[in-house]
Amino acid sequence: MRALGGPAGGRALCWRRGPRHRPARVPASGRGVWASGRPRPQPEEGEAAVSVATTSASPVSSGLSGRQRGSEFAELSRLINAAGLLERRRGYYAWRIAANVGLFVLGATVFVVVGDSWWQLLTGVYFAVVFAQFAFVGHDAGHRQIFASRRRNDLVGYVHSAVTGISYRWWVGKHNRHHANPNHEDEDPDIDIPALAFTTEQANAKRGLTRWVARYQAWLFFPLLCFEALMLRVSSVQAVLRREVKHVRLEAILLGGQTVCYLTAVLLVLPSLKAVLFIAVQQALMGVYLGCSFAPNHKGMPVLAKGEQLDYLRKQVLTSRNVRGGRWVDFLLGGLNYQVEHHLFPSMPRPNLRHAQRLVQRFCVRHDLPYSQCGLLSSYAQVLRHLHTVGADLRNEHRRPAAH
């Protein structure tokens, strides 16, 4: 496993402490965790406060057998179940979906009323946020957080993909592979990106333009996110054309219909130049928003090298980072700021994640497991610092004088 405190690509099993983590207060007794609209008794008592600072102990060399590690997660699962945190929150999602539809209708009304105006670029900014909020609900549906039934979740997912222009089945397949092996160099598709390098080995393997990009990737990271929505759409179309998704015909109709409706609506209201700029602003900022929501979750956290394996609990906790910030950040990041809890229990409804954090955080401290958490800006700083470190060899190579 690659340590983050030393040179990029190093194999030492040490863990970096988070930047000035503050202790998080935890209720000392059973105030209850709210789930499904009613309080539940707190399963654990007697701990007034815990620190979320990471430890320096190596979880791999903890001396626990595979059975003991499995029993650790079973213990955590019992705590989560006892708190009722895996129960569905259909009322919350009914409100969330209705709110998103309302925001979409409001934006469409403003778009039509304003008409041919440069102010429509601000409408493009607005729709970037709205489309991302639809994508967050699609994400939750893909994890079966909304309904117990796969079919009902898929229905919600397909409808939301008809708004965002992203293939639902392609994305779910890719995202499930990520969840199965987060930050695994050989198995996580989210760190197998042509334009970026997340380990020294990946950086050294780059050639041509991508090698130049990897050299300065920390500086180019946010500009590159402007193309994220476009690349998601391109990958979706490719998956459908290659018949790599279930229900190919349905996916083709949804993607094609979304593209036609989107372009028609824009071109009916705006002349060509304004239409192109509107689309560029909306799609670019949607990509930045989605990228900024997903990047803090794992980027800059330990990367498992090829052949390395951890038990489920450690694989999910050690590679994930939470982002503090309260309800505003919860909304802004679509609940992805509770990444540790989300990876441990992917089907847990979004509004329950913040309640689960109290239990998971305390459990990790008790079992000497590093629990990473920081503020939003600090998370971006850690991501950029890691990207900059990974590209160091390429920059040094570029500066090295040629041998005579």
Foldseek 3Di string as FASTA:
>chain_A
DAELVDFFQDDDQWYDWADPFDKDFDCQFFPAADDLHDGAGQPDHHDGIDTQIADGDRPVPPPDDPVRVVVLLVVLVVRCVNRVQLDARQVVVVVLVVVLVVLVVVLLVCLQVVFADLCCLVSLLSLLQSLLSLVLLLLLLLLQQHHPDVVVSVVSNLVSCLQLLAQSQVVSVLVVQCLVFPQEPVTRVVQVDQQEHLGLVRLVPHDDPSVVCLLVVLVCVLVVLLCQSVVRNVVRVVCLVVVVGPPSVSSVCSNVVSVVVLLVSLVVRYPDVSSVSSVSSNSRSSSSQQCLLPLLFAQLFDHHYPPDDDPQLQSLQRRTAAADDPPVVCSSNVLCNLRSQCSSRVNRHSVSSVVSCSSVSVSCVVVSHNGHYYHSVSSSVSNSVSSNSSSVVSNVVVPDDDDD
